[in-house]
Amino acid sequence: MDDSTQSQPATEPTDTAAKTQKLPRLSSDTDDVEKQAAFEAGQKKIVQMIDSNAPLAEILNNLVLLVEAQTPEMLCSVLLLSADGNHIEHGAAPSLPEQYVKAVNGAPIGPNNGSCGTAMYRGEPVVVTDINSDPLWDDYRALAAGTDLRACWSTPIMSRRGKVLGSFAMYYRQPQSPTGAEAYLTKVATTIAAQAIEHHARQRQ
């Protein structure tokens, strides 16, 4: 199967984020305005957790839950790049099946290593619209068997110096392509996750 039909870099995530970031504010619907306000308040709370040196796992867990709350059918995770730069480490995935989380932990990154391992290896977003048929999941499809996970879009978490720190992933229980609206949530998640990971690293020095 042609890799470009399903697994491909997301189109210009930075530009899309810039275009979609303010869209919620344009709505006149009261519920949308209140939801946006609650989302921004949640972001501030997490930043306060970072500043107060809360445990990294707790910060990332709260971040994932906050993003998931914006789109109920979406499941998210944060994975970290190991110190040797070659493996995946668990960060936060409160809604994913436990057996899947354990199976992924410690897996190598590489050019054909699922969504997250490939995104970390490439240093760019990877969109897999159907796990069951995408070639990037050929060696990892068994890990997702029985989990009902069918789509996974992963974006690398980058440091301020452009170093890969980990990945943020969005999962769905049905084959799905991005609509563009997810760019804002991805930008928020990767920005705050990077801040938390770098802060944690400084505290350990």
N, C-alpha and C. Protein backbone atom coordinates (compact mmCIF):
# COMPACT_ATOMS: atom_id res chain seq x y z
N MET A 1 0.84 -1.21 0.00
CA MET A 1 0.00 0.00 0.00
C MET A 1 0.86 1.25 0.00
N ASP A 2 0.50 2.21 -0.72
CA ASP A 2 1.23 3.48 -0.78
C ASP A 2 1.13 4.19 0.54
N ASP A 3 2.28 4.46 1.16
CA ASP A 3 2.32 5.10 2.48
C ASP A 3 1.56 6.40 2.50
N SER A 4 1.55 7.11 1.37
CA SER A 4 0.97 8.45 1.36
C SER A 4 -0.54 8.44 1.44
N THR A 5 -1.16 7.29 1.25
CA THR A 5 -2.63 7.26 1.27
C THR A 5 -3.18 7.32 2.67
N GLN A 6 -2.37 6.91 3.67
CA GLN A 6 -2.89 6.92 5.02
C GLN A 6 -1.91 7.52 6.01
N SER A 7 -0.68 7.03 6.03
CA SER A 7 0.29 7.54 6.98
C SER A 7 1.11 8.62 6.32
N GLN A 8 0.91 9.84 6.74
CA GLN A 8 1.60 10.95 6.12
C GLN A 8 1.75 12.08 7.13
N PRO A 9 2.74 12.94 6.93
CA PRO A 9 2.85 14.09 7.82
C PRO A 9 1.59 14.92 7.74
N ALA A 10 1.13 15.41 8.88
CA ALA A 10 -0.03 16.30 8.87
C ALA A 10 0.35 17.55 8.11
N THR A 11 -0.56 18.12 7.41
CA THR A 11 -0.24 19.26 6.55
C THR A 11 -0.04 20.52 7.36
N GLU A 12 1.19 21.01 7.34
CA GLU A 12 1.55 22.29 7.94
C GLU A 12 0.86 22.52 9.29
N PRO A 13 1.26 21.76 10.37
CA PRO A 13 0.58 21.89 11.64
C PRO A 13 0.65 23.29 12.23
N THR A 14 1.77 23.96 12.03
CA THR A 14 1.91 25.29 12.63
C THR A 14 0.95 26.28 12.00
N ASP A 15 0.87 26.27 10.65
CA ASP A 15 -0.03 27.19 9.98
C ASP A 15 -1.48 26.88 10.31
N THR A 16 -1.82 25.57 10.34
CA THR A 16 -3.19 25.19 10.64
C THR A 16 -3.55 25.62 12.05
N ALA A 17 -2.60 25.44 12.99
CA ALA A 17 -2.87 25.84 14.35
C ALA A 17 -3.15 27.34 14.42
N ALA A 18 -2.38 28.10 13.66
CA ALA A 18 -2.57 29.55 13.68
C ALA A 18 -3.96 29.93 13.17
N LYS A 19 -4.44 29.16 12.17
CA LYS A 19 -5.73 29.46 11.59
C LYS A 19 -6.89 29.02 12.48
N THR A 20 -6.69 27.92 13.20
CA THR A 20 -7.81 27.36 13.97
C THR A 20 -7.81 27.80 15.44
N GLN A 21 -6.71 28.32 15.89
CA GLN A 21 -6.60 28.60 17.32
C GLN A 21 -7.68 29.54 17.82
N LYS A 22 -8.08 30.52 17.02
CA LYS A 22 -9.05 31.51 17.49
C LYS A 22 -10.49 31.21 17.06
N LEU A 23 -10.67 30.13 16.34
CA LEU A 23 -12.02 29.82 15.86
C LEU A 23 -13.05 29.70 16.98
N PRO A 24 -12.73 29.05 18.12
CA PRO A 24 -13.75 28.94 19.16
C PRO A 24 -14.25 30.30 19.64
N ARG A 25 -13.42 31.30 19.58
CA ARG A 25 -13.81 32.62 20.06
C ARG A 25 -14.80 33.31 19.11
N LEU A 26 -14.88 32.83 17.88
CA LEU A 26 -15.77 33.46 16.92
C LEU A 26 -17.22 33.02 17.08
N SER A 27 -17.42 31.93 17.83
CA SER A 27 -18.76 31.41 18.01
C SER A 27 -19.56 32.29 18.96
N SER A 28 -20.84 32.47 18.65
CA SER A 28 -21.70 33.25 19.52
C SER A 28 -22.48 32.35 20.47
N ASP A 29 -22.26 31.03 20.33
CA ASP A 29 -22.96 30.08 21.18
C ASP A 29 -22.41 30.16 22.60
N THR A 30 -23.29 30.33 23.57
CA THR A 30 -22.87 30.49 24.96
C THR A 30 -22.11 29.27 25.46
N ASP A 31 -22.58 28.08 25.07
CA ASP A 31 -21.91 26.87 25.51
C ASP A 31 -20.48 26.81 25.00
N ASP A 32 -20.24 27.24 23.74
CA ASP A 32 -18.90 27.24 23.18
C ASP A 32 -17.99 28.21 23.93
N VAL A 33 -18.51 29.36 24.24
CA VAL A 33 -17.73 30.36 24.96
C VAL A 33 -17.36 29.85 26.35
N GLU A 34 -18.32 29.24 27.02
CA GLU A 34 -18.05 28.71 28.36
C GLU A 34 -17.06 27.55 28.31
N LYS A 35 -17.19 26.72 27.29
CA LYS A 35 -16.27 25.60 27.14
C LYS A 35 -14.85 26.10 26.89
N GLN A 36 -14.70 27.13 26.06
CA GLN A 36 -13.38 27.69 25.79
C GLN A 36 -12.78 28.29 27.06
N ALA A 37 -13.61 28.98 27.84
CA ALA A 37 -13.14 29.58 29.09
C ALA A 37 -12.67 28.50 30.06
N ALA A 38 -13.42 27.41 30.13
CA ALA A 38 -13.04 26.32 31.02
C ALA A 38 -11.74 25.66 30.54
N PHE A 39 -11.59 25.55 29.22
CA PHE A 39 -10.37 24.96 28.66
C PHE A 39 -9.16 25.83 28.97
N GLU A 40 -9.30 27.12 28.83
CA GLU A 40 -8.20 28.03 29.14
C GLU A 40 -7.87 28.01 30.64
N ALA A 41 -8.91 27.91 31.48
CA ALA A 41 -8.68 27.82 32.92
C ALA A 41 -7.93 26.54 33.26
N GLY A 42 -8.28 25.44 32.56
CA GLY A 42 -7.58 24.18 32.77
C GLY A 42 -6.12 24.26 32.39
N GLN A 43 -5.83 24.97 31.30
CA GLN A 43 -4.45 25.15 30.88
C GLN A 43 -3.66 25.92 31.94
N LYS A 44 -4.25 26.97 32.47
CA LYS A 44 -3.58 27.78 33.50
C LYS A 44 -3.29 26.95 34.74
N LYS A 45 -4.23 26.07 35.09
CA LYS A 45 -4.04 25.22 36.26
C LYS A 45 -2.85 24.29 36.06
N ILE A 46 -2.73 23.75 34.86
CA ILE A 46 -1.62 22.84 34.58
C ILE A 46 -0.29 23.58 34.59
N VAL A 47 -0.27 24.78 34.04
CA VAL A 47 0.95 25.59 34.07
C VAL A 47 1.34 25.89 35.52
N GLN A 48 0.36 26.13 36.36
CA GLN A 48 0.63 26.36 37.79
C GLN A 48 1.22 25.10 38.43
N MET A 49 0.74 23.94 38.00
CA MET A 49 1.31 22.69 38.51
C MET A 49 2.77 22.57 38.12
N ILE A 50 3.10 22.97 36.90
CA ILE A 50 4.49 22.94 36.46
C ILE A 50 5.34 23.87 37.33
N ASP A 51 4.84 25.08 37.53
CA ASP A 51 5.59 26.07 38.31
C ASP A 51 5.77 25.63 39.76
N SER A 52 4.85 24.83 40.27
CA SER A 52 4.93 24.39 41.67
C SER A 52 5.66 23.05 41.80
N ASN A 53 6.28 22.60 40.70
CA ASN A 53 7.08 21.37 40.70
C ASN A 53 6.28 20.11 41.02
N ALA A 54 5.05 20.06 40.54
CA ALA A 54 4.26 18.84 40.70
C ALA A 54 4.92 17.71 39.91
N PRO A 55 4.67 16.45 40.28
CA PRO A 55 5.26 15.32 39.55
C PRO A 55 4.90 15.36 38.08
N LEU A 56 5.85 15.02 37.22
CA LEU A 56 5.62 15.08 35.78
C LEU A 56 4.45 14.19 35.36
N ALA A 57 4.37 13.00 35.92
CA ALA A 57 3.28 12.08 35.56
C ALA A 57 1.92 12.69 35.87
N GLU A 58 1.83 13.37 36.99
CA GLU A 58 0.57 14.00 37.38
C GLU A 58 0.21 15.14 36.42
N ILE A 59 1.19 15.92 36.04
CA ILE A 59 0.97 17.03 35.11
C ILE A 59 0.49 16.51 33.76
N LEU A 60 1.18 15.53 33.22
CA LEU A 60 0.83 14.99 31.91
C LEU A 60 -0.53 14.30 31.94
N ASN A 61 -0.84 13.63 33.02
CA ASN A 61 -2.13 12.98 33.14
C ASN A 61 -3.26 14.00 33.11
N ASN A 62 -3.09 15.10 33.83
CA ASN A 62 -4.09 16.16 33.84
C ASN A 62 -4.21 16.82 32.47
N LEU A 63 -3.10 16.97 31.79
CA LEU A 63 -3.11 17.56 30.45
C LEU A 63 -3.89 16.69 29.48
N VAL A 64 -3.65 15.40 29.51
CA VAL A 64 -4.36 14.48 28.61
C VAL A 64 -5.86 14.50 28.89
N LEU A 65 -6.23 14.46 30.15
CA LEU A 65 -7.65 14.48 30.50
C LEU A 65 -8.31 15.78 30.06
N LEU A 66 -7.59 16.88 30.17
CA LEU A 66 -8.14 18.17 29.75
C LEU A 66 -8.42 18.18 28.25
N VAL A 67 -7.48 17.68 27.47
CA VAL A 67 -7.66 17.65 26.01
C VAL A 67 -8.78 16.68 25.63
N GLU A 68 -8.80 15.53 26.25
CA GLU A 68 -9.86 14.56 25.96
C GLU A 68 -11.25 15.12 26.23
N ALA A 69 -11.35 15.95 27.23
CA ALA A 69 -12.66 16.51 27.60
C ALA A 69 -13.22 17.42 26.51
N GLN A 70 -12.36 17.89 25.62
CA GLN A 70 -12.82 18.78 24.56
C GLN A 70 -13.51 18.01 23.43
N THR A 71 -13.15 16.73 23.28
CA THR A 71 -13.73 15.88 22.24
C THR A 71 -13.91 14.49 22.84
N PRO A 72 -15.07 14.20 23.39
CA PRO A 72 -15.29 12.98 24.16
C PRO A 72 -14.92 11.67 23.45
N GLU A 73 -15.08 11.59 22.12
CA GLU A 73 -14.78 10.34 21.43
C GLU A 73 -13.29 10.13 21.19
N MET A 74 -12.47 11.09 21.58
CA MET A 74 -11.03 11.04 21.35
C MET A 74 -10.30 10.56 22.61
N LEU A 75 -9.33 9.67 22.42
CA LEU A 75 -8.47 9.20 23.50
C LEU A 75 -7.05 9.68 23.21
N CYS A 76 -6.36 10.11 24.23
CA CYS A 76 -5.04 10.72 24.01
C CYS A 76 -3.96 10.08 24.86
N SER A 77 -2.72 10.32 24.45
CA SER A 77 -1.58 9.86 25.24
C SER A 77 -0.40 10.80 25.05
N VAL A 78 0.47 10.80 26.04
CA VAL A 78 1.78 11.46 25.94
C VAL A 78 2.83 10.39 26.18
N LEU A 79 3.73 10.25 25.24
CA LEU A 79 4.86 9.34 25.39
C LEU A 79 6.15 10.16 25.42
N LEU A 80 7.13 9.64 26.13
CA LEU A 80 8.41 10.33 26.27
C LEU A 80 9.50 9.59 25.50
N LEU A 81 10.46 10.32 25.02
CA LEU A 81 11.62 9.71 24.36
C LEU A 81 12.63 9.36 25.44
N SER A 82 13.13 8.13 25.42
CA SER A 82 14.06 7.66 26.43
C SER A 82 15.37 8.43 26.38
N ALA A 83 16.14 8.31 27.45
CA ALA A 83 17.41 9.03 27.54
C ALA A 83 18.38 8.64 26.44
N ASP A 84 18.28 7.39 25.96
CA ASP A 84 19.19 6.98 24.88
C ASP A 84 18.70 7.44 23.52
N GLY A 85 17.50 8.05 23.47
CA GLY A 85 16.97 8.59 22.22
C GLY A 85 16.46 7.56 21.25
N ASN A 86 16.27 6.32 21.73
CA ASN A 86 15.89 5.24 20.81
C ASN A 86 14.61 4.51 21.19
N HIS A 87 14.03 4.83 22.33
CA HIS A 87 12.89 4.08 22.80
C HIS A 87 11.77 4.98 23.32
N ILE A 88 10.59 4.39 23.37
CA ILE A 88 9.40 5.05 23.90
C ILE A 88 9.29 4.77 25.39
N GLU A 89 8.92 5.79 26.15
CA GLU A 89 8.63 5.62 27.57
C GLU A 89 7.24 6.17 27.87
N HIS A 90 6.54 5.50 28.77
CA HIS A 90 5.18 5.93 29.12
C HIS A 90 5.21 7.30 29.78
N GLY A 91 4.26 8.14 29.39
CA GLY A 91 4.11 9.44 30.02
C GLY A 91 2.75 9.55 30.69
N ALA A 92 1.69 9.49 29.88
CA ALA A 92 0.33 9.54 30.41
C ALA A 92 -0.63 9.02 29.35
N ALA A 93 -1.53 8.16 29.77
CA ALA A 93 -2.56 7.62 28.87
C ALA A 93 -3.71 7.09 29.72
N PRO A 94 -4.38 7.96 30.47
CA PRO A 94 -5.38 7.51 31.45
C PRO A 94 -6.57 6.79 30.87
N SER A 95 -6.86 6.99 29.59
CA SER A 95 -8.06 6.39 29.00
C SER A 95 -7.78 5.22 28.06
N LEU A 96 -6.52 4.95 27.78
CA LEU A 96 -6.17 3.84 26.90
C LEU A 96 -6.14 2.53 27.68
N PRO A 97 -6.41 1.41 27.01
CA PRO A 97 -6.37 0.11 27.68
C PRO A 97 -5.01 -0.15 28.33
N GLU A 98 -5.03 -0.66 29.55
CA GLU A 98 -3.80 -0.85 30.30
C GLU A 98 -2.83 -1.79 29.60
N GLN A 99 -3.37 -2.86 28.99
CA GLN A 99 -2.48 -3.81 28.35
C GLN A 99 -1.77 -3.20 27.15
N TYR A 100 -2.44 -2.28 26.47
CA TYR A 100 -1.83 -1.60 25.33
C TYR A 100 -0.73 -0.65 25.80
N VAL A 101 -1.02 0.09 26.86
CA VAL A 101 -0.04 1.03 27.42
C VAL A 101 1.22 0.29 27.83
N LYS A 102 1.07 -0.85 28.49
CA LYS A 102 2.23 -1.62 28.93
C LYS A 102 3.01 -2.19 27.75
N ALA A 103 2.29 -2.60 26.71
CA ALA A 103 2.95 -3.19 25.54
C ALA A 103 3.77 -2.17 24.77
N VAL A 104 3.29 -0.94 24.72
CA VAL A 104 3.98 0.11 23.97
C VAL A 104 5.20 0.61 24.73
N ASN A 105 5.13 0.61 26.04
CA ASN A 105 6.23 1.13 26.86
C ASN A 105 7.53 0.37 26.58
N GLY A 106 8.56 1.11 26.21
CA GLY A 106 9.85 0.50 25.93
C GLY A 106 10.06 0.11 24.48
N ALA A 107 9.05 0.29 23.64
CA ALA A 107 9.18 -0.06 22.22
C ALA A 107 10.18 0.88 21.54
N PRO A 108 10.89 0.41 20.53
CA PRO A 108 11.85 1.28 19.83
C PRO A 108 11.13 2.26 18.91
N ILE A 109 11.78 3.37 18.64
CA ILE A 109 11.29 4.29 17.62
C ILE A 109 11.93 3.88 16.30
N GLY A 110 11.36 4.34 15.20
CA GLY A 110 11.93 3.98 13.91
C GLY A 110 11.06 4.45 12.77
N PRO A 111 11.48 4.22 11.53
CA PRO A 111 10.77 4.73 10.35
C PRO A 111 9.44 4.05 10.07
N ASN A 112 9.21 2.88 10.68
CA ASN A 112 7.95 2.14 10.46
C ASN A 112 7.46 1.57 11.78
N ASN A 113 7.46 2.39 12.81
CA ASN A 113 7.17 1.92 14.16
C ASN A 113 5.89 2.52 14.71
N GLY A 114 4.77 2.18 14.07
CA GLY A 114 3.49 2.71 14.52
C GLY A 114 3.42 4.21 14.29
N SER A 115 2.49 4.85 14.95
CA SER A 115 2.33 6.30 14.78
C SER A 115 3.33 7.07 15.62
N CYS A 116 3.40 6.74 16.92
CA CYS A 116 4.24 7.53 17.83
C CYS A 116 5.72 7.27 17.62
N GLY A 117 6.10 6.01 17.46
CA GLY A 117 7.51 5.70 17.23
C GLY A 117 8.03 6.31 15.95
N THR A 118 7.15 6.37 14.95
CA THR A 118 7.54 6.97 13.67
C THR A 118 7.60 8.49 13.77
N ALA A 119 6.65 9.08 14.49
CA ALA A 119 6.63 10.54 14.66
C ALA A 119 7.86 11.02 15.40
N MET A 120 8.26 10.29 16.42
CA MET A 120 9.48 10.66 17.16
C MET A 120 10.71 10.50 16.27
N TYR A 121 10.74 9.43 15.48
CA TYR A 121 11.88 9.18 14.61
C TYR A 121 11.99 10.24 13.52
N ARG A 122 10.86 10.58 12.90
CA ARG A 122 10.86 11.58 11.83
C ARG A 122 10.97 13.00 12.35
N GLY A 123 10.49 13.22 13.57
CA GLY A 123 10.44 14.57 14.10
C GLY A 123 9.35 15.40 13.44
N GLU A 124 8.28 14.72 12.98
CA GLU A 124 7.17 15.41 12.34
C GLU A 124 5.89 14.61 12.56
N PRO A 125 4.73 15.26 12.43
CA PRO A 125 3.46 14.57 12.68
C PRO A 125 3.24 13.40 11.72
N VAL A 126 2.60 12.37 12.23
CA VAL A 126 2.24 11.20 11.44
C VAL A 126 0.76 10.92 11.65
N VAL A 127 0.03 10.80 10.56
CA VAL A 127 -1.41 10.55 10.61
C VAL A 127 -1.70 9.15 10.07
N VAL A 128 -2.20 8.28 10.92
CA VAL A 128 -2.65 6.96 10.50
C VAL A 128 -4.16 6.93 10.65
N THR A 129 -4.86 6.86 9.53
CA THR A 129 -6.32 6.92 9.56
C THR A 129 -6.96 5.57 9.84
N ASP A 130 -6.22 4.48 9.59
CA ASP A 130 -6.75 3.14 9.86
C ASP A 130 -5.61 2.22 10.27
N ILE A 131 -5.55 1.93 11.56
CA ILE A 131 -4.50 1.08 12.10
C ILE A 131 -4.51 -0.31 11.46
N ASN A 132 -5.68 -0.80 11.14
CA ASN A 132 -5.81 -2.17 10.62
C ASN A 132 -5.17 -2.38 9.25
N SER A 133 -4.97 -1.30 8.51
CA SER A 133 -4.43 -1.47 7.15
C SER A 133 -3.18 -0.65 6.87
N ASP A 134 -2.81 0.26 7.75
CA ASP A 134 -1.67 1.12 7.46
C ASP A 134 -0.36 0.36 7.64
N PRO A 135 0.57 0.45 6.69
CA PRO A 135 1.84 -0.29 6.77
C PRO A 135 2.72 0.11 7.95
N LEU A 136 2.55 1.31 8.48
CA LEU A 136 3.35 1.70 9.64
C LEU A 136 3.03 0.85 10.86
N TRP A 137 1.87 0.20 10.85
CA TRP A 137 1.44 -0.61 11.98
C TRP A 137 1.61 -2.11 11.72
N ASP A 138 2.27 -2.49 10.65
CA ASP A 138 2.42 -3.90 10.32
C ASP A 138 3.03 -4.70 11.47
N ASP A 139 4.05 -4.14 12.12
CA ASP A 139 4.73 -4.85 13.21
C ASP A 139 4.13 -4.55 14.57
N TYR A 140 3.11 -3.71 14.61
CA TYR A 140 2.54 -3.29 15.89
C TYR A 140 1.03 -3.52 15.97
N ARG A 141 0.46 -4.05 14.89
CA ARG A 141 -0.99 -4.23 14.85
C ARG A 141 -1.48 -5.16 15.94
N ALA A 142 -0.67 -6.15 16.27
CA ALA A 142 -1.08 -7.10 17.31
C ALA A 142 -1.21 -6.42 18.67
N LEU A 143 -0.45 -5.35 18.88
CA LEU A 143 -0.53 -4.63 20.15
C LEU A 143 -1.89 -3.96 20.33
N ALA A 144 -2.47 -3.55 19.21
CA ALA A 144 -3.76 -2.86 19.27
C ALA A 144 -4.94 -3.82 19.16
N ALA A 145 -4.65 -5.09 18.88
CA ALA A 145 -5.73 -6.07 18.73
C ALA A 145 -6.53 -6.18 20.01
N GLY A 146 -7.84 -6.12 19.87
CA GLY A 146 -8.72 -6.24 21.03
C GLY A 146 -8.93 -4.96 21.80
N THR A 147 -8.34 -3.87 21.34
CA THR A 147 -8.48 -2.59 22.05
C THR A 147 -9.53 -1.69 21.43
N ASP A 148 -9.98 -1.99 20.22
CA ASP A 148 -10.92 -1.17 19.46
C ASP A 148 -10.29 0.13 18.96
N LEU A 149 -8.99 0.26 19.07
CA LEU A 149 -8.32 1.46 18.56
C LEU A 149 -8.13 1.30 17.06
N ARG A 150 -8.59 2.28 16.27
CA ARG A 150 -8.54 2.16 14.82
C ARG A 150 -7.78 3.28 14.12
N ALA A 151 -7.68 4.43 14.75
CA ALA A 151 -6.94 5.54 14.13
C ALA A 151 -6.02 6.15 15.17
N CYS A 152 -4.85 6.60 14.72
CA CYS A 152 -3.91 7.23 15.65
C CYS A 152 -3.09 8.29 14.91
N TRP A 153 -3.21 9.52 15.39
CA TRP A 153 -2.45 10.63 14.83
C TRP A 153 -1.46 11.09 15.89
N SER A 154 -0.20 11.10 15.56
CA SER A 154 0.82 11.43 16.56
C SER A 154 1.66 12.62 16.11
N THR A 155 1.94 13.50 17.06
CA THR A 155 2.74 14.70 16.81
C THR A 155 3.91 14.75 17.78
N PRO A 156 5.12 14.95 17.30
CA PRO A 156 6.26 15.00 18.22
C PRO A 156 6.19 16.22 19.14
N ILE A 157 6.62 16.03 20.35
CA ILE A 157 6.76 17.12 21.31
C ILE A 157 8.20 17.61 21.20
N MET A 158 8.35 18.89 20.86
CA MET A 158 9.68 19.43 20.59
C MET A 158 10.13 20.41 21.67
N SER A 159 11.41 20.38 21.96
CA SER A 159 11.98 21.35 22.88
C SER A 159 12.14 22.70 22.19
N ARG A 160 12.48 23.70 22.95
CA ARG A 160 12.68 25.03 22.36
C ARG A 160 13.85 25.05 21.39
N ARG A 161 14.75 24.08 21.51
CA ARG A 161 15.90 24.00 20.62
C ARG A 161 15.67 23.03 19.46
N GLY A 162 14.43 22.53 19.35
CA GLY A 162 14.11 21.65 18.24
C GLY A 162 14.44 20.20 18.45
N LYS A 163 14.65 19.80 19.69
CA LYS A 163 14.94 18.40 20.02
C LYS A 163 13.64 17.67 20.33
N VAL A 164 13.53 16.43 19.84
CA VAL A 164 12.34 15.63 20.13
C VAL A 164 12.37 15.18 21.59
N LEU A 165 11.27 15.46 22.29
CA LEU A 165 11.14 15.09 23.71
C LEU A 165 10.19 13.92 23.90
N GLY A 166 9.28 13.74 22.96
CA GLY A 166 8.27 12.71 23.09
C GLY A 166 7.23 12.88 22.00
N SER A 167 6.01 12.41 22.28
CA SER A 167 4.93 12.56 21.30
C SER A 167 3.60 12.70 22.00
N PHE A 168 2.69 13.39 21.32
CA PHE A 168 1.31 13.50 21.77
C PHE A 168 0.44 12.84 20.72
N ALA A 169 -0.42 11.91 21.15
CA ALA A 169 -1.23 11.16 20.19
C ALA A 169 -2.72 11.29 20.46
N MET A 170 -3.48 11.28 19.38
CA MET A 170 -4.94 11.24 19.43
C MET A 170 -5.39 9.92 18.81
N TYR A 171 -6.18 9.17 19.55
CA TYR A 171 -6.71 7.89 19.08
C TYR A 171 -8.23 7.98 18.90
N TYR A 172 -8.72 7.18 17.97
CA TYR A 172 -10.17 7.05 17.77
C TYR A 172 -10.51 5.57 17.62
N ARG A 173 -11.75 5.23 17.95
CA ARG A 173 -12.20 3.84 17.87
C ARG A 173 -12.77 3.48 16.50
N GLN A 174 -12.64 4.39 15.56
CA GLN A 174 -13.06 4.13 14.19
C GLN A 174 -12.06 4.79 13.25
N PRO A 175 -11.93 4.29 12.03
CA PRO A 175 -11.03 4.95 11.07
C PRO A 175 -11.44 6.41 10.93
N GLN A 176 -10.46 7.29 10.96
CA GLN A 176 -10.79 8.72 10.94
C GLN A 176 -9.63 9.55 10.41
N SER A 177 -9.98 10.58 9.67
CA SER A 177 -9.01 11.54 9.17
C SER A 177 -9.17 12.86 9.90
N PRO A 178 -8.09 13.63 10.03
CA PRO A 178 -8.18 14.93 10.70
C PRO A 178 -9.11 15.87 9.95
N THR A 179 -9.81 16.71 10.69
CA THR A 179 -10.69 17.70 10.07
C THR A 179 -10.04 19.08 10.04
N GLY A 180 -8.97 19.26 10.79
CA GLY A 180 -8.33 20.56 10.91
C GLY A 180 -8.60 21.19 12.26
N ALA A 181 -9.74 20.86 12.85
CA ALA A 181 -10.09 21.43 14.15
C ALA A 181 -9.18 20.90 15.25
N GLU A 182 -8.55 19.75 15.02
CA GLU A 182 -7.70 19.15 16.05
C GLU A 182 -6.37 19.88 16.21
N ALA A 183 -6.02 20.72 15.25
CA ALA A 183 -4.72 21.38 15.29
C ALA A 183 -4.55 22.25 16.53
N TYR A 184 -5.61 22.92 16.92
CA TYR A 184 -5.54 23.79 18.10
C TYR A 184 -5.26 22.98 19.35
N LEU A 185 -5.99 21.86 19.52
CA LEU A 185 -5.78 21.02 20.69
C LEU A 185 -4.38 20.42 20.69
N THR A 186 -3.90 20.02 19.53
CA THR A 186 -2.56 19.46 19.43
C THR A 186 -1.50 20.49 19.80
N LYS A 187 -1.69 21.71 19.33
CA LYS A 187 -0.73 22.78 19.63
C LYS A 187 -0.69 23.05 21.12
N VAL A 188 -1.85 23.13 21.76
CA VAL A 188 -1.90 23.35 23.21
C VAL A 188 -1.21 22.21 23.94
N ALA A 189 -1.54 20.97 23.58
CA ALA A 189 -1.00 19.81 24.27
C ALA A 189 0.51 19.71 24.13
N THR A 190 1.02 19.87 22.91
CA THR A 190 2.46 19.72 22.71
C THR A 190 3.24 20.87 23.35
N THR A 191 2.67 22.06 23.35
CA THR A 191 3.35 23.20 23.96
C THR A 191 3.47 23.05 25.47
N ILE A 192 2.37 22.69 26.11
CA ILE A 192 2.38 22.53 27.57
C ILE A 192 3.20 21.30 27.96
N ALA A 193 3.08 20.22 27.20
CA ALA A 193 3.87 19.01 27.51
C ALA A 193 5.36 19.31 27.42
N ALA A 194 5.77 20.04 26.40
CA ALA A 194 7.19 20.39 26.26
C ALA A 194 7.66 21.22 27.45
N GLN A 195 6.83 22.17 27.85
CA GLN A 195 7.17 23.00 28.99
C GLN A 195 7.35 22.15 30.25
N ALA A 196 6.44 21.20 30.45
CA ALA A 196 6.50 20.34 31.63
C ALA A 196 7.72 19.43 31.60
N ILE A 197 8.00 18.83 30.45
CA ILE A 197 9.12 17.90 30.33
C ILE A 197 10.45 18.62 30.53
N GLU A 198 10.59 19.79 29.91
CA GLU A 198 11.85 20.54 30.06
C GLU A 198 12.02 21.04 31.50
N HIS A 199 10.94 21.48 32.11
CA HIS A 199 11.02 21.92 33.50
C HIS A 199 11.43 20.77 34.40
N HIS A 200 10.85 19.61 34.17
CA HIS A 200 11.20 18.43 34.97
C HIS A 200 12.67 18.08 34.81
N ALA A 201 13.16 18.17 33.57
CA ALA A 201 14.56 17.85 33.31
C ALA A 201 15.49 18.82 34.03
N ARG A 202 15.13 20.08 34.06
CA ARG A 202 15.95 21.07 34.77
C ARG A 202 15.96 20.80 36.27
N GLN A 203 14.84 20.40 36.81
CA GLN A 203 14.76 20.13 38.23
C GLN A 203 15.60 18.94 38.65
N ARG A 204 15.84 18.02 37.71
CA ARG A 204 16.61 16.81 38.01
C ARG A 204 18.11 17.05 37.88
N GLN A 205 18.51 18.17 37.31
CA GLN A 205 19.94 18.44 37.12
C GLN A 205 20.62 18.81 38.44
